[in-house]
Amino acid sequence: MTGYLTTHVLDTARGCPAQGLKIDLYKIEGEARTHLKTLITNDDGRTDEQILPADAFTVGTYELVFHAGAYLDACGIPEENPRFLDVIPLRFGMSEASHYHVPLLLSPFGYSTYRGS
């Protein structure tokens, strides 16, 4: 089995998928943080392609960076200065060749994540 990485972002405050949210993927190796890819969520709050496809998958530590503040601004959520949630980094490990699904449940004042399926 070959591993790969996906996500799904849901706007729990508005009760809908988070469309148009920018996500950056980084590989973490020691103190080094290497940018691998930038994607934007589609109408369903998912990316049009796997974040890390099977042909690029390696075990290790990764970081997904969700640009929540820009998304909330685009949705017309009243601005704060500074916004409570702006950039949300999620650092996690992938230890085996498997499907890793890392969803984000987002609202202007909180978020949660988990290893999905």
Protein backbone atom coordinates (compact mmCIF):
# COMPACT_ATOMS: atom_id res chain seq x y z
CA MET A 1 0.00 0.00 0.00
CA THR A 2 1.21 3.47 -0.82
CA GLY A 3 0.58 6.48 1.39
CA TYR A 4 -1.02 9.80 0.55
CA LEU A 5 -2.42 12.88 2.33
CA THR A 6 -5.80 14.62 2.03
CA THR A 7 -7.80 17.22 3.96
CA HIS A 8 -11.33 18.58 4.25
CA VAL A 9 -12.08 22.00 5.77
CA LEU A 10 -15.54 22.70 7.17
CA ASP A 11 -16.73 26.11 8.34
CA THR A 12 -18.64 25.11 11.47
CA ALA A 13 -19.82 28.67 12.17
CA ARG A 14 -21.58 28.95 8.82
CA GLY A 15 -22.39 25.26 8.45
CA CYS A 16 -20.72 24.76 5.07
CA PRO A 17 -17.51 23.65 3.39
CA ALA A 18 -14.72 26.24 3.56
CA GLN A 19 -14.33 27.13 -0.12
CA GLY A 20 -11.30 29.15 -1.25
CA LEU A 21 -9.10 28.53 1.80
CA LYS A 22 -5.36 28.52 1.06
CA ILE A 23 -3.31 25.63 2.47
CA ASP A 24 0.48 25.25 2.44
CA LEU A 25 2.26 21.92 2.96
CA TYR A 26 5.73 21.74 4.51
CA LYS A 27 8.07 18.83 5.21
CA ILE A 28 9.86 19.12 8.56
CA GLU A 29 13.33 17.61 8.91
CA GLY A 30 15.09 18.59 12.13
CA GLU A 31 15.08 22.40 12.16
CA ALA A 32 14.49 22.62 8.40
CA ARG A 33 11.02 23.46 7.10
CA THR A 34 10.66 22.91 3.33
CA HIS A 35 7.64 24.22 1.41
CA LEU A 36 6.24 21.47 -0.85
CA LYS A 37 2.95 22.78 -2.20
CA THR A 38 0.19 25.39 -2.00
CA LEU A 39 -3.43 24.42 -2.67
CA ILE A 40 -6.85 26.11 -2.44
CA THR A 41 -9.98 24.33 -1.24
CA ASN A 42 -12.79 23.78 -3.74
CA ASP A 43 -16.59 24.09 -3.37
CA ASP A 44 -16.62 21.01 -1.13
CA GLY A 45 -13.85 22.28 1.19
CA ARG A 46 -11.42 19.73 -0.26
CA THR A 47 -8.46 20.14 -2.57
CA ASP A 48 -8.81 19.11 -6.21
CA GLU A 49 -5.79 16.84 -5.87
CA GLN A 50 -4.21 14.92 -3.03
CA ILE A 51 -2.10 17.23 -0.89
CA LEU A 52 0.71 14.70 -0.91
CA PRO A 53 0.14 12.09 -3.63
CA ALA A 54 1.40 8.53 -3.50
CA ASP A 55 4.32 9.20 -5.86
CA ALA A 56 5.67 11.91 -3.51
CA PHE A 57 4.81 10.24 -0.19
CA THR A 58 7.50 9.53 2.38
CA VAL A 59 7.09 8.92 6.08
CA GLY A 60 8.09 11.81 8.31
CA THR A 61 6.91 14.98 9.96
CA TYR A 62 4.78 17.44 7.99
CA GLU A 63 2.96 20.69 8.61
CA LEU A 64 -0.25 21.91 7.03
CA VAL A 65 -0.72 25.66 7.32
CA PHE A 66 -4.33 26.81 6.94
CA HIS A 67 -4.76 30.51 6.09
CA ALA A 68 -7.93 30.95 8.11
CA GLY A 69 -7.79 34.74 8.51
CA ALA A 70 -7.84 35.43 4.77
CA TYR A 71 -10.69 32.94 4.39
CA LEU A 72 -12.70 34.58 7.20
CA ASP A 73 -12.05 38.02 5.68
CA ALA A 74 -13.31 36.79 2.29
CA CYS A 75 -16.46 35.42 3.94
CA GLY A 76 -17.27 38.82 5.43
CA ILE A 77 -16.72 37.75 9.04
CA PRO A 78 -16.26 41.03 10.96
CA GLU A 79 -12.57 41.84 11.22
CA GLU A 80 -10.63 42.06 14.43
CA ASN A 81 -7.26 43.67 14.78
CA PRO A 82 -5.52 41.32 15.12
CA ARG A 83 -7.82 38.47 14.13
CA PHE A 84 -8.03 35.77 16.84
CA LEU A 85 -7.32 32.98 14.32
CA ASP A 86 -5.22 33.94 11.35
CA VAL A 87 -2.74 31.25 10.34
CA ILE A 88 -3.28 27.75 11.77
CA PRO A 89 -0.24 25.44 11.61
CA LEU A 90 -0.86 21.72 12.18
CA ARG A 91 2.29 19.64 12.61
CA PHE A 92 1.87 15.87 12.49
CA GLY A 93 3.75 12.68 11.74
CA MET A 94 3.08 10.06 9.10
CA SER A 95 4.79 6.83 10.20
CA GLU A 96 3.58 4.32 7.61
CA ALA A 97 2.39 4.10 4.02
CA SER A 98 -1.31 4.73 4.57
CA HIS A 99 -4.04 7.23 3.75
CA TYR A 100 -3.67 10.17 6.13
CA HIS A 101 -6.69 12.46 6.21
CA VAL A 102 -6.24 15.61 8.31
CA PRO A 103 -9.51 17.59 8.40
CA LEU A 104 -10.01 21.03 9.94
CA LEU A 105 -13.25 22.15 11.58
CA LEU A 106 -13.06 25.94 11.63
CA SER A 107 -14.89 28.86 13.23
CA PRO A 108 -13.66 32.43 13.89
CA PHE A 109 -12.79 31.59 17.52
CA GLY A 110 -11.81 27.93 17.48
CA TYR A 111 -10.83 24.89 15.47
CA SER A 112 -10.32 21.18 15.84
CA THR A 113 -8.63 18.46 13.87
CA TYR A 114 -8.12 14.72 14.02
CA ARG A 115 -6.80 11.85 11.94
CA GLY A 116 -9.70 10.97 9.72
CA SER A 117 -10.20 8.22 7.20
